[in-house]
Each structure stands twice: as C-alpha cells, then as structure tokens.
C-alpha cells in the first residue's frame, strides 16, 4: 500500500506530573504514562517530541518544550513493543504484538498507513526514507518497502526469534539481533547478508548503531553489552557489570557515552571509546533514549513512569575519592574470577597489586592463583576451591609472598595439582620482602557492620588514594565514593567486582556500613 507522509510536524503534548532524583543528578521531570509498562522511547530528530510505547496498546506523544501532552495514538491491540521517528521527523512508526506496523501523522495523531506481518513485530527502524527494518517473533527479520507497503526482503539468518532490529544512520545497513545470541548485518537495499557477529552467551535483546555509524552495540540476556565494528564485524569491547538482562542500549549524540539499562532500574553509563564504566543512575527500567542535543536521558519503567535524567550532571559530578584514573594509568583494569569461588582472592590481589604498582611507579599484575595456592598451603586445603578469608590470605602472603601474574597465570577452573615453579616462588618472596604494610580497619567478626568511625575511616583511606578490601558474602575492592542524598545511607561507593569477567559497579553507603564484615587496606 502506498505510504503518504505529512509535510509538517507540530504537536503540543507534554505534562510533567512529578519530580524524581537519579543518582548524582539534579531533580528531573517524571512523566506519568499510566499503569502500563513503557517498553520503548523515541525522540523526534528536532528533540521536541518524545514518543512512548508499551503494554495495553500504549502509544503516547509528549512535547518536551511546552509541557503538554497530546492524545494517545490508538489502534494497536495489545503491547506496542517499540516505535521510531523517520529521519525527517514527519512520520512515527510503531510495531506491536498484534502483528501490525503502523505509520502515524504526529500532527493529527491519525494512522496514515498499516502493514501486516505474520507474527508479532519488534523494533521498527527507518533505513533512509525508502526502507523500514523490523524484528520479528519468527526467525527472520524484515525489510519493508515504504512506497508500496510490501515486504521487500525476509532476512533469514537466525536459528531462533529475530527479536531486535536497528538501521545504520545512513540507512545502508540493517542489524538484526536474535534469541540465538547472534547479530546479523544486512544490506538494507538488496537484503544480502553482510556478516554475522558471534560472542554473546544468551539472547540478544537490543541493538543500536552509534550516530556516526562506526559502532554497533548489542545488549543481551547474558547481562553484557558488546560493542562491534559494523564495517569489519570485529568485537571492539565488552561492557560487563549489570546483574540482569540488558533491556535497552543507546549512544549519546556525540558518540562518547553508551547507556544501558536493566529491568532492575539501574542505568549504567560507559565510556564508548574505552568501555570503562563511568556511573550508575537509579531511575531506569525497561527503555531509554538520549535527547538529540544530549541534555537528557529518558528512561521508561515497568511502573508506567518516564524519567528525564540529567545524565551529564551525574557523569561530571566530582567524587571526593576516585581511583579509577590511577587504575587506568597503571593498566589495572577489573579482571574476573570467572566461575570460580575466588572473590576474596581477587580482591586481596587487587589491593596488593595497586600498592605494589604505585611503589614501583608502573603497573604490575600480581597472581591471584599464587595467592590462592599460598593460602591453601597455610590452611591445609588441597581439594576444594573454597572461598578464602582475608586473614588466611594474608597469612599465605606473609609466608609465601605473591608473584607476578605471568609467572603463575589464573586458571578458569581449580586444579589442586597446579603449583608455582621455583622461579615463581623466588619472585614471590622478593616481592614480599620489598615490603607491603597491611592496615586493618575492621577485622572479621561474627556480625556484619561497621561503626561510624570505621565507616569514616574507609572514606578517608579512599581520599588518601588507597583502595579498600571489603569482605562479605561477596568481597569487593572499594575504589571511590560519591555523596548523594538520594542513595541509601547518603551516597554510594564505586567498587571493583571480580564476578564473571570483572567490572566496576556501585553499592550504597548503607550496604557497606551494614553488610560488610571485614575491611583493610595496603600500602
């Protein structure tokens, strides 16, 4: 069916109904979309309109310049999974569980065209002004001809549902993310398969191109975001740190920041060039969208709320203590325990190697595997990859020392017969004898919790430039903090968590004060 496109754009349709505060941000508007979960958000290219889609046929337009809300766009039956504006901003497309793709005039709110698929439709994306890319509940994505309303290409490249879709800014490439954990790239004009991107360990839930088209981000049920070079198909970096499925991902307009969000309500901000974690924001949910001018990050939640976050303020807010720049300078990025039960080992290794690296004025990776072996010698453990206590690890250090990582590399699984070479043992004693002084803030006790004095000592040590080992059910290394009245306890600590591949994450003052058993630092 032919698709007509309105010539002008204009609607007045937003109302702010409350205020919210995200971690490290100034108060932001909260918009009430009703009781329906907000699965998708999209800004118009000029930044004036914000469209929201979700459960129960939800499809709304909000005018972020006037504070007025327009009429709902009615027509879909059931969940509207996602929506998008055309490159010129004159058309809004929506896709839903009712098997339909609908094109709307944002001025009148009228549906101007409709296409019907054979399955629920997800993530419509304009590929230029002639093509539309969509994901599907079936195993193939689609490319539609907007002039005729007909299916132009069926993108058969997945073994399971081809859920997510995106188009490159120039409209030349379509990306499809599948439940099979694969991302496929296609020529949007010919429907030819260009390349396949493999690496995720679970379903792809979302894909997004950077505004300059030089990168593609994919979010997954494996709790990670992967960033790819769409020109070569090469993996650029992996962003690990979420503890649940990544629901949405997007790039800032200047391509310097990536935002990702999970249903647990946490938005994580990452440096797009390095992959380093920068800040976590509360007030997230199921969906997100950067405003075209980069001033706001909109998030949609399962509670029907849309929050407009001042993410730049949060990102630029100074921390009283922040060891990340020094860790980066020394090349001591987070590294992981993988599937082993060695969080306390990796945490102790972390504080030891930071102190040693600062002392010798260069980054030196130390061996968690040697430290674990040394502890096992002291406690007489030879069969079990058990979780170690800080005090036992430090006894192992006192007796055997610790060598460099390359002298006894970490193994992904425990090997009771894995022992250091004579050279590694000699190196470990030399490093030990160069001197590291351990300072206990709170030795282990039966009940968790820090006194007020101990809590303030943790913050002082961080301000003085030393990371702090914090022991609990899962041990972490504290590397910074920020004061924030919106967080439980009045702020949050930045920590290195060795879980999985290793990553930065934030935990509240309240959690540290009441949930930590023992803490110490090393110089």
Protein backbone atom coordinates (compact mmCIF):
# COMPACT_ATOMS: atom_id res chain seq x y z
CA UNK A 1 0.00 0.00 0.00
CA UNK A 2 1.35 3.49 -0.77
CA UNK A 3 2.57 5.44 2.21
CA UNK A 4 1.82 9.16 2.37
CA UNK A 5 3.99 11.39 4.53
CA UNK A 6 2.72 14.63 6.10
CA UNK A 7 4.59 17.79 5.12
CA UNK A 8 4.81 19.48 8.51
CA UNK A 9 5.40 18.49 12.08
CA UNK A 10 3.92 20.05 15.18
CA UNK A 11 2.15 18.90 18.29
CA UNK A 12 1.82 20.20 21.83
CA UNK A 13 1.51 17.33 24.23
CA UNK A 14 3.59 17.04 27.42
CA UNK A 15 2.76 17.45 31.08
CA UNK A 16 5.21 16.99 33.96
CA UNK A 17 3.46 15.31 36.85
CA UNK A 18 6.20 14.99 39.43
CA UNK A 19 9.88 15.10 40.18
CA UNK A 20 12.47 12.40 40.70
CA UNK A 21 16.11 12.22 41.51
CA UNK A 22 18.62 9.86 39.92
CA UNK A 23 21.96 9.09 41.46
CA UNK A 24 24.21 12.11 41.17
CA UNK A 25 21.69 14.14 39.14
CA UNK A 26 19.68 17.27 39.73
CA UNK A 27 15.88 16.80 40.05
CA UNK A 28 14.33 15.74 36.76
CA UNK A 29 10.84 15.54 35.32
CA UNK A 30 8.80 12.42 35.79
CA UNK A 31 6.04 11.83 33.25
CA UNK A 32 3.12 9.56 34.02
CA UNK A 33 2.23 7.23 31.14
CA UNK A 34 -0.39 5.47 33.24
CA UNK A 35 -0.20 1.98 34.67
CA UNK A 36 1.30 0.33 31.56
CA UNK A 37 4.95 -0.64 31.36
CA UNK A 38 6.94 1.61 28.99
CA UNK A 39 8.87 -0.72 26.69
CA UNK A 40 10.26 1.86 24.27
CA UNK A 41 11.06 5.56 23.96
CA UNK A 42 11.99 7.67 20.92
CA UNK A 43 12.82 11.34 20.47
CA UNK A 44 11.95 13.19 17.28
CA UNK A 45 15.06 14.40 15.38
CA UNK A 46 14.49 18.01 16.49
CA UNK A 47 14.22 16.91 20.13
CA UNK A 48 10.77 18.41 20.61
CA UNK A 49 8.72 15.23 20.80
CA UNK A 50 9.13 12.14 22.94
CA UNK A 51 7.15 9.05 21.97
CA UNK A 52 6.42 6.28 24.47
CA UNK A 53 5.21 2.75 23.65
CA UNK A 54 4.24 -0.09 25.94
CA UNK A 55 1.68 -2.51 27.30
CA UNK A 56 -2.04 -2.29 26.68
CA UNK A 57 -1.70 -0.54 23.31
CA UNK A 58 0.23 2.34 24.90
CA UNK A 59 1.47 4.85 22.30
CA UNK A 60 1.81 8.43 23.51
CA UNK A 61 3.44 11.64 22.33
CA UNK A 62 4.86 14.25 24.71
CA UNK A 63 6.06 17.73 23.78
CA UNK A 64 9.12 18.37 25.93
CA UNK A 65 9.24 22.08 25.09
CA UNK A 66 5.72 23.14 26.13
CA UNK A 67 4.93 20.71 28.91
CA UNK A 68 1.76 19.47 27.21
CA UNK A 69 0.57 16.00 26.33
CA UNK A 70 -1.41 15.18 23.24
CA UNK A 71 -3.92 12.46 22.55
CA UNK A 72 -2.88 8.84 22.69
CA UNK A 73 -2.39 7.18 19.30
CA UNK A 74 -5.00 4.45 19.39
CA UNK A 75 -5.13 1.44 17.12
CA UNK A 76 -2.82 -1.32 18.32
CA UNK A 77 -4.30 -4.24 20.19
CA UNK A 78 -2.01 -5.45 22.96
CA UNK A 79 1.58 -4.43 23.62
CA UNK A 80 3.25 -1.86 21.37
CA UNK A 81 6.81 -3.13 21.59
CA UNK A 82 8.60 -0.18 20.03
CA UNK A 83 8.39 2.95 17.89
CA UNK A 84 10.67 5.28 15.90
CA UNK A 85 10.60 8.59 14.09
CA UNK A 86 11.52 8.93 10.42
CA UNK A 87 14.81 10.76 9.70
CA UNK A 88 12.90 13.93 8.76
CA UNK A 89 10.69 13.66 11.85
CA UNK A 90 7.47 13.76 9.84
CA UNK A 91 6.35 10.19 10.47
CA UNK A 92 6.16 7.95 13.53
CA UNK A 93 6.21 4.18 13.09
CA UNK A 94 5.07 1.69 15.72
CA UNK A 95 5.15 -2.11 15.86
CA UNK A 96 3.22 -4.43 18.10
CA UNK A 97 2.24 -7.86 19.27
CA UNK A 98 -0.86 -7.57 17.09
CA UNK A 99 1.28 -8.34 14.00
CA UNK A 100 0.92 -4.80 12.65
CA UNK A 101 3.23 -1.95 11.70
CA UNK A 102 1.50 1.42 11.78
CA UNK A 103 2.62 4.78 10.39
CA UNK A 104 1.28 7.89 12.10
CA UNK A 105 0.94 11.59 11.39
CA UNK A 106 2.30 13.25 14.58
CA UNK A 107 0.21 16.38 13.89
CA UNK A 108 -3.20 14.77 13.76
CA UNK A 109 -2.45 11.52 15.55
CA UNK A 110 -4.06 9.66 12.65
CA UNK A 111 -2.79 6.34 11.35
CA UNK A 112 -1.85 7.01 7.72
CA UNK A 113 -0.79 3.50 6.74
CA UNK A 114 -0.61 -0.01 8.12
CA UNK A 115 1.33 -3.13 7.19
CA UNK A 116 0.54 -6.59 8.49
CA UNK A 117 3.10 -9.27 9.33
CA UNK A 118 2.66 -12.96 10.09
CA UNK A 119 3.99 -12.62 13.66
CA UNK A 120 4.47 -10.03 16.40
CA UNK A 121 6.70 -7.19 15.23
CA UNK A 122 9.50 -5.52 17.19
CA UNK A 123 11.90 -2.55 16.93
CA UNK A 124 10.97 -0.80 13.66
CA UNK A 125 13.80 1.35 12.30
CA UNK A 126 13.83 3.62 9.26
CA UNK A 127 16.63 2.75 6.83
CA UNK A 128 16.62 6.04 4.96
CA UNK A 129 13.30 7.26 3.58
CA UNK A 130 12.52 4.18 1.44
CA UNK A 131 13.04 1.17 3.71
CA UNK A 132 11.88 0.02 7.14
CA UNK A 133 13.67 -2.68 9.15
CA UNK A 134 11.78 -4.73 11.76
CA UNK A 135 12.45 -7.55 14.16
CA UNK A 136 10.10 -10.49 14.48
CA UNK A 137 8.83 -13.24 16.74
CA UNK A 138 9.83 -15.53 13.87
CA UNK A 139 13.41 -16.47 12.95
CA UNK A 140 13.83 -13.82 10.26
CA UNK A 141 13.97 -10.04 10.35
CA UNK A 142 12.22 -8.00 7.68
CA UNK A 143 12.88 -5.08 5.34
CA UNK A 144 9.77 -3.29 4.08
CA UNK A 145 9.31 -1.04 1.06
CA UNK A 146 7.70 2.15 2.36
CA UNK A 147 6.48 3.23 -1.08
CA UNK A 148 4.38 0.11 -1.59
CA UNK A 149 3.90 -1.16 1.95
CA UNK A 150 5.10 -4.57 0.79
CA UNK A 151 7.73 -6.86 2.26
CA UNK A 152 10.95 -6.28 0.31
CA UNK A 153 13.26 -8.80 1.97
CA UNK A 154 13.00 -11.56 4.53
CA UNK A 155 16.26 -11.76 6.45
CA UNK A 156 16.78 -15.48 7.11
CA UNK A 157 19.91 -15.76 9.23
CA UNK A 158 18.86 -16.90 12.70
CA UNK A 159 18.01 -20.17 14.37
CA UNK A 160 15.65 -18.57 16.88
CA UNK A 161 13.46 -15.47 17.11
CA UNK A 162 14.93 -12.41 15.39
CA UNK A 163 13.78 -10.02 18.09
CA UNK A 164 15.72 -6.76 17.80
CA UNK A 165 16.47 -4.51 14.85
CA UNK A 166 18.30 -1.29 14.02
CA UNK A 167 19.41 0.61 10.92
CA UNK A 168 22.67 2.47 10.38
CA UNK A 169 22.38 6.28 10.27
CA UNK A 170 22.94 6.32 6.50
CA UNK A 171 20.25 3.66 6.02
CA UNK A 172 22.62 1.29 4.24
CA UNK A 173 22.89 -1.48 6.85
CA UNK A 174 20.25 -3.33 8.85
CA UNK A 175 21.18 -5.09 12.09
CA UNK A 176 19.11 -7.97 13.48
CA UNK A 177 19.67 -9.44 16.95
CA UNK A 178 18.37 -12.92 17.66
CA UNK A 179 17.39 -15.08 20.58
CA UNK A 180 20.17 -17.38 19.34
CA UNK A 181 22.76 -14.87 20.63
CA UNK A 182 23.78 -13.82 17.12
CA UNK A 183 23.73 -10.38 15.48
CA UNK A 184 23.45 -10.33 11.69
CA UNK A 185 24.18 -7.36 9.40
CA UNK A 186 22.39 -6.95 6.07
CA UNK A 187 22.45 -4.70 3.04
CA UNK A 188 19.23 -2.72 3.53
CA UNK A 189 18.74 -2.25 -0.21
CA UNK A 190 19.42 -5.77 -1.51
CA UNK A 191 18.76 -7.88 1.59
CA UNK A 192 22.18 -9.51 1.25
CA UNK A 193 23.81 -10.91 4.40
CA UNK A 194 26.98 -8.93 5.06
CA UNK A 195 28.37 -10.53 8.21
CA UNK A 196 27.49 -12.40 11.38
CA UNK A 197 28.60 -11.27 14.84
CA UNK A 198 29.02 -14.00 17.44
CA UNK A 199 30.08 -13.79 21.07
CA UNK A 200 27.10 -13.32 23.36
CA UNK A 201 26.26 -16.25 25.62
CA UNK A 202 22.49 -15.68 25.55
CA UNK A 203 19.70 -13.97 23.62
CA UNK A 204 20.21 -10.55 22.03
CA UNK A 205 17.61 -8.16 23.46
CA UNK A 206 18.53 -4.86 21.79
CA UNK A 207 20.86 -3.39 19.16
CA UNK A 208 21.80 0.22 18.41
CA UNK A 209 24.14 1.97 15.98
CA UNK A 210 26.23 4.93 17.09
CA UNK A 211 25.16 8.24 15.49
CA UNK A 212 28.30 8.25 13.31
CA UNK A 213 27.68 4.65 12.21
CA UNK A 214 31.14 3.48 13.31
CA UNK A 215 29.97 1.23 16.13
CA UNK A 216 27.10 -1.13 16.92
CA UNK A 217 26.09 -2.02 20.48
CA UNK A 218 24.18 -5.19 21.35
CA UNK A 219 22.57 -5.92 24.72
CA UNK A 220 21.89 -9.43 25.90
CA UNK A 221 20.35 -11.73 28.47
CA UNK A 222 23.95 -12.63 29.38
CA UNK A 223 23.93 -9.27 31.26
CA UNK A 224 26.53 -7.67 28.99
CA UNK A 225 26.74 -5.14 26.19
CA UNK A 226 29.10 -5.83 23.32
CA UNK A 227 30.37 -3.12 21.02
CA UNK A 228 31.22 -4.10 17.44
CA UNK A 229 32.81 -2.55 14.37
CA UNK A 230 29.99 -2.93 11.82
CA UNK A 231 32.44 -2.48 8.95
CA UNK A 232 34.57 -5.49 9.86
CA UNK A 233 32.39 -7.40 12.31
CA UNK A 234 35.17 -7.24 14.89
CA UNK A 235 34.44 -7.03 18.60
CA UNK A 236 35.67 -3.71 19.98
CA UNK A 237 34.88 -4.19 23.67
CA UNK A 238 32.59 -5.93 26.17
CA UNK A 239 30.75 -3.93 28.84
CA UNK A 240 30.13 -6.10 31.89
CA UNK A 241 28.56 -5.01 35.15
CA UNK A 242 24.79 -5.46 35.02
CA UNK A 243 23.36 -8.22 37.17
CA UNK A 244 20.36 -8.95 34.94
CA UNK A 245 19.22 -8.80 31.32
CA UNK A 246 20.09 -5.66 29.40
CA UNK A 247 16.74 -4.31 28.19
CA UNK A 248 17.92 -1.35 26.10
CA UNK A 249 21.10 0.34 24.94
CA UNK A 250 21.94 3.59 23.19
CA UNK A 251 24.73 6.03 22.28
CA UNK A 252 24.88 9.68 23.24
CA UNK A 253 24.66 12.09 20.27
CA UNK A 254 28.41 12.82 20.45
CA UNK A 255 29.15 9.05 20.39
CA UNK A 256 31.27 9.34 23.54
CA UNK A 257 28.92 7.62 26.01
CA UNK A 258 26.91 4.40 25.95
CA UNK A 259 23.91 3.96 28.25
CA UNK A 260 22.43 0.58 29.09
CA UNK A 261 19.50 -0.29 31.32
CA UNK A 262 18.04 -3.34 33.02
CA UNK A 263 14.63 -4.07 34.45
CA UNK A 264 16.04 -3.76 37.97
CA UNK A 265 16.06 0.01 37.45
CA UNK A 266 19.78 0.71 37.00
CA UNK A 267 21.20 2.70 34.10
CA UNK A 268 24.93 2.29 33.57
CA UNK A 269 26.98 4.87 31.69
CA UNK A 270 30.11 3.74 29.87
CA UNK A 271 32.96 5.43 28.01
CA UNK A 272 32.23 4.40 24.41
CA UNK A 273 35.87 4.60 23.35
CA UNK A 274 37.43 2.63 26.20
CA UNK A 275 34.50 0.60 27.53
CA UNK A 276 35.22 1.82 31.06
CA UNK A 277 32.30 2.11 33.46
CA UNK A 278 31.63 5.72 34.46
CA UNK A 279 28.50 5.98 36.60
CA UNK A 280 25.32 4.17 37.60
CA UNK A 281 22.00 6.02 37.77
CA UNK A 282 18.85 4.99 39.56
CA UNK A 283 15.52 5.67 37.87
CA UNK A 284 15.97 3.31 34.95
CA UNK A 285 13.73 0.47 33.86
CA UNK A 286 12.91 -1.11 30.52
CA UNK A 287 13.84 1.51 27.92
CA UNK A 288 15.97 4.58 27.30
CA UNK A 289 16.60 7.32 24.74
CA UNK A 290 19.05 10.22 24.57
CA UNK A 291 17.64 13.59 23.55
CA UNK A 292 19.19 14.76 20.23
CA UNK A 293 21.00 17.63 21.95
CA UNK A 294 22.38 15.22 24.57
CA UNK A 295 20.99 17.17 27.52
CA UNK A 296 18.64 14.48 28.83
CA UNK A 297 18.39 10.72 29.03
CA UNK A 298 14.80 9.50 29.07
CA UNK A 299 14.04 6.18 30.75
CA UNK A 300 10.81 4.19 30.79
CA UNK A 301 9.86 1.79 33.56
CA UNK A 302 7.54 -1.06 34.38
CA UNK A 303 5.76 1.36 36.74
CA UNK A 304 4.48 3.46 33.82
CA UNK A 305 6.82 6.34 34.65
CA UNK A 306 9.07 8.16 32.18
CA UNK A 307 12.00 9.91 33.83
CA UNK A 308 14.12 12.59 32.16
CA UNK A 309 17.57 12.36 33.74
CA UNK A 310 20.29 14.99 33.73
CA UNK A 311 22.88 12.36 32.94
CA UNK A 312 25.69 14.78 32.11
CA UNK A 313 25.46 16.32 35.57
CA UNK A 314 25.70 12.85 37.08
CA UNK A 315 28.65 11.92 34.87
CA UNK A 316 30.54 15.12 35.59
CA UNK A 317 29.80 15.29 39.32
CA UNK A 318 33.15 15.05 41.11
CA UNK A 319 33.83 12.23 43.54
CA UNK A 320 35.54 13.07 46.82
CA UNK A 321 37.58 9.95 46.06
CA UNK A 322 38.10 8.30 42.69
CA UNK A 323 40.94 5.87 42.00
CA UNK A 324 39.74 4.94 38.51
CA UNK A 325 42.10 7.37 36.70
CA UNK A 326 45.08 5.93 38.59
CA UNK A 327 43.93 2.37 37.92
CA UNK A 328 43.65 3.24 34.24
CA UNK A 329 47.07 4.86 34.21
CA UNK A 330 48.59 1.74 35.73
CA UNK A 331 46.67 -0.60 33.41
CA UNK A 332 44.97 -2.35 36.33
CA UNK A 333 41.56 -2.83 34.76
CA UNK A 334 39.00 -5.05 36.52
CA UNK A 335 39.74 -8.71 35.99
CA UNK A 336 37.46 -11.57 36.83
CA UNK A 337 37.28 -14.77 38.83
CA UNK A 338 35.16 -16.34 36.07
CA UNK A 339 33.09 -19.15 37.55
CA UNK A 340 35.40 -19.83 40.50
CA UNK A 341 34.73 -19.02 44.14
CA UNK A 342 37.70 -16.65 44.49
CA UNK A 343 36.24 -13.17 45.05
CA UNK A 344 38.25 -12.62 48.24
CA UNK A 345 41.42 -13.83 46.49
CA UNK A 346 40.92 -11.43 43.59
CA UNK A 347 40.07 -8.58 45.97
CA UNK A 348 43.22 -9.16 48.04
CA UNK A 349 45.31 -9.45 44.89
CA UNK A 350 43.77 -6.12 43.78
CA UNK A 351 44.80 -4.10 46.84
CA UNK A 352 48.25 -5.73 46.86
CA UNK A 353 48.99 -5.06 43.20
CA UNK A 354 47.77 -1.47 43.43
CA UNK A 355 50.08 -0.76 46.36
CA UNK A 356 52.99 -2.54 44.65
CA UNK A 357 52.40 -0.79 41.32
CA UNK A 358 52.32 2.63 42.97
CA UNK A 359 55.52 1.80 44.83
CA UNK A 360 57.43 0.77 41.68
CA UNK A 361 55.78 3.51 39.53
CA UNK A 362 54.43 1.11 36.91
CA UNK A 363 51.51 -1.27 36.58
CA UNK A 364 52.34 -4.84 37.66
CA UNK A 365 49.71 -7.57 37.62
CA UNK A 366 50.11 -9.96 40.54
CA UNK A 367 48.96 -13.57 40.61
CA UNK A 368 45.64 -14.42 42.24
CA UNK A 369 46.42 -18.07 41.50
CA UNK A 370 49.65 -17.93 43.52
CA UNK A 371 47.90 -16.15 46.38
CA UNK A 372 45.20 -18.83 46.44
CA UNK A 373 47.86 -21.55 46.42
CA UNK A 374 49.75 -19.81 49.26
CA UNK A 375 46.59 -19.61 51.35
CA UNK A 376 45.79 -23.26 50.73
CA UNK A 377 49.29 -24.20 51.95
CA UNK A 378 48.67 -22.34 55.20
CA UNK A 379 45.18 -23.74 55.89
CA UNK A 380 45.93 -27.24 54.57
CA UNK A 381 43.33 -27.22 51.79
CA UNK A 382 44.18 -29.37 48.77
CA UNK A 383 40.88 -30.49 47.30
CA UNK A 384 38.32 -27.70 47.41
CA UNK A 385 38.19 -24.37 45.56
CA UNK A 386 36.70 -22.84 48.68
CA UNK A 387 36.11 -19.19 49.42
CA UNK A 388 39.06 -17.83 51.40
CA UNK A 389 39.07 -15.44 54.34
CA UNK A 390 41.09 -12.25 54.13
CA UNK A 391 43.12 -13.10 57.23
CA UNK A 392 44.05 -16.54 55.81
CA UNK A 393 45.06 -14.98 52.50
CA UNK A 394 47.28 -12.50 54.31
CA UNK A 395 48.87 -15.36 56.29
CA UNK A 396 49.63 -17.04 52.98
CA UNK A 397 51.16 -13.79 51.75
CA UNK A 398 53.27 -13.48 54.89
CA UNK A 399 54.66 -17.00 54.50
CA UNK A 400 54.95 -17.39 50.72
CA UNK A 401 54.61 -13.90 49.18
CA UNK A 402 53.00 -13.27 45.80
CA UNK A 403 54.45 -13.46 42.30
CA UNK A 404 53.55 -11.75 39.05
CA UNK A 405 50.52 -12.93 37.07
CA UNK A 406 52.66 -14.10 34.14
CA UNK A 407 54.65 -16.35 36.50
CA UNK A 408 51.53 -18.25 37.60
CA UNK A 409 48.55 -17.39 35.37
CA UNK A 410 44.99 -17.67 36.64
CA UNK A 411 43.03 -20.74 35.56
CA UNK A 412 39.32 -20.71 34.84
CA UNK A 413 38.85 -23.89 36.90
CA UNK A 414 40.52 -25.05 40.12
CA UNK A 415 43.37 -27.53 39.71
CA UNK A 416 44.59 -28.97 43.05
CA UNK A 417 47.84 -30.07 41.39
CA UNK A 418 48.62 -26.61 39.98
CA UNK A 419 51.69 -25.33 41.83
CA UNK A 420 54.13 -22.48 41.22
CA UNK A 421 57.54 -23.04 39.70
CA UNK A 422 60.69 -22.49 41.72
CA UNK A 423 61.24 -19.26 39.81
CA UNK A 424 57.73 -18.05 40.71
CA UNK A 425 58.28 -18.90 44.40
CA UNK A 426 61.53 -16.99 44.45
CA UNK A 427 59.91 -13.99 42.73
CA UNK A 428 57.04 -14.07 45.23
CA UNK A 429 59.43 -13.87 48.17
CA UNK A 430 61.30 -10.95 46.57
CA UNK A 431 58.06 -9.01 46.09
CA UNK A 432 57.01 -9.79 49.67
CA UNK A 433 60.35 -8.65 51.04
CA UNK A 434 60.10 -5.31 49.26
CA UNK A 435 57.53 -4.52 51.90
CA UNK A 436 53.74 -4.12 51.99
CA UNK A 437 52.07 -2.94 55.16
CA UNK A 438 48.54 -4.14 55.91
CA UNK A 439 46.21 -1.84 57.88
CA UNK A 440 43.06 -3.35 59.32
CA UNK A 441 40.04 -1.07 59.62
CA UNK A 442 37.70 -3.78 60.84
CA UNK A 443 38.98 -7.36 61.43
CA UNK A 444 36.48 -10.12 60.82
CA UNK A 445 33.75 -10.71 63.38
CA UNK A 446 30.56 -12.75 63.59
CA UNK A 447 28.16 -9.94 62.70
CA UNK A 448 28.32 -7.64 59.72
CA UNK A 449 28.59 -3.90 60.08
CA UNK A 450 30.99 -1.01 60.53
CA UNK A 451 30.97 1.55 63.33
CA UNK A 452 30.64 5.20 62.38
CA UNK A 453 34.36 5.63 63.00
CA UNK A 454 35.25 2.64 60.81
CA UNK A 455 32.94 3.84 58.04
CA UNK A 456 34.57 7.27 58.04
CA UNK A 457 38.00 5.59 58.06
CA UNK A 458 37.07 3.74 54.84
CA UNK A 459 36.24 7.06 53.18
CA UNK A 460 39.41 8.71 54.49
CA UNK A 461 41.60 5.91 53.16
CA UNK A 462 39.97 6.25 49.74
CA UNK A 463 40.52 10.03 49.79
CA UNK A 464 44.17 9.37 50.61
CA UNK A 465 44.47 7.31 47.43
CA UNK A 466 44.30 3.69 48.62
CA UNK A 467 41.69 1.08 47.64
CA UNK A 468 39.93 -0.78 50.44
CA UNK A 469 39.23 -4.52 50.55
CA UNK A 470 35.68 -5.13 51.77
CA UNK A 471 34.65 -8.64 52.82
CA UNK A 472 31.11 -10.01 52.86
CA UNK A 473 29.23 -12.81 51.15
CA UNK A 474 30.90 -11.47 48.00
CA UNK A 475 34.10 -9.50 48.54
CA UNK A 476 34.88 -6.37 46.52
CA UNK A 477 37.54 -3.67 46.30
CA UNK A 478 36.28 -0.14 47.00
CA UNK A 479 37.93 2.45 44.73
CA UNK A 480 35.89 5.62 45.20
CA UNK A 481 32.72 7.18 46.54
CA UNK A 482 30.25 9.99 45.97
CA UNK A 483 27.90 11.75 48.39
CA UNK A 484 24.26 11.58 47.24
CA UNK A 485 21.24 12.07 49.50
CA UNK A 486 19.06 10.03 47.14
CA UNK A 487 21.06 6.86 47.83
CA UNK A 488 20.51 4.69 50.93
CA UNK A 489 22.88 5.97 53.58
CA UNK A 490 23.59 9.23 51.73
CA UNK A 491 25.89 8.10 48.96
CA UNK A 492 27.49 5.22 47.11
CA UNK A 493 30.87 3.55 46.77
CA UNK A 494 32.43 2.61 43.46
CA UNK A 495 33.81 -0.91 43.64
CA UNK A 496 35.63 -3.43 41.51
CA UNK A 497 33.70 -6.69 41.50
CA UNK A 498 35.67 -9.70 40.28
CA UNK A 499 32.47 -11.62 39.48
CA UNK A 500 32.45 -13.08 35.96
CA UNK A 501 34.89 -11.16 33.77
CA UNK A 502 35.30 -8.40 36.37
CA UNK A 503 33.67 -4.96 36.30
CA UNK A 504 33.03 -1.70 38.12
CA UNK A 505 29.78 -1.24 39.98
CA UNK A 506 28.27 0.93 42.70
CA UNK A 507 26.87 -0.01 46.09
CA UNK A 508 25.20 2.22 48.61
CA UNK A 509 26.73 3.62 51.78
CA UNK A 510 24.02 1.74 53.65
CA UNK A 511 25.11 -1.60 52.17
CA UNK A 512 28.75 -1.06 53.08
CA UNK A 513 28.03 0.19 56.59
CA UNK A 514 25.66 -2.63 57.50
CA UNK A 515 26.68 -5.51 55.20
CA UNK A 516 30.49 -5.65 55.39
CA UNK A 517 32.30 -7.96 57.83
CA UNK A 518 35.98 -7.03 57.49
CA UNK A 519 37.95 -4.28 55.77
CA UNK A 520 41.62 -3.45 55.32
CA UNK A 521 44.00 -1.60 53.04
CA UNK A 522 47.63 -1.94 51.99
CA UNK A 523 50.49 0.48 51.44
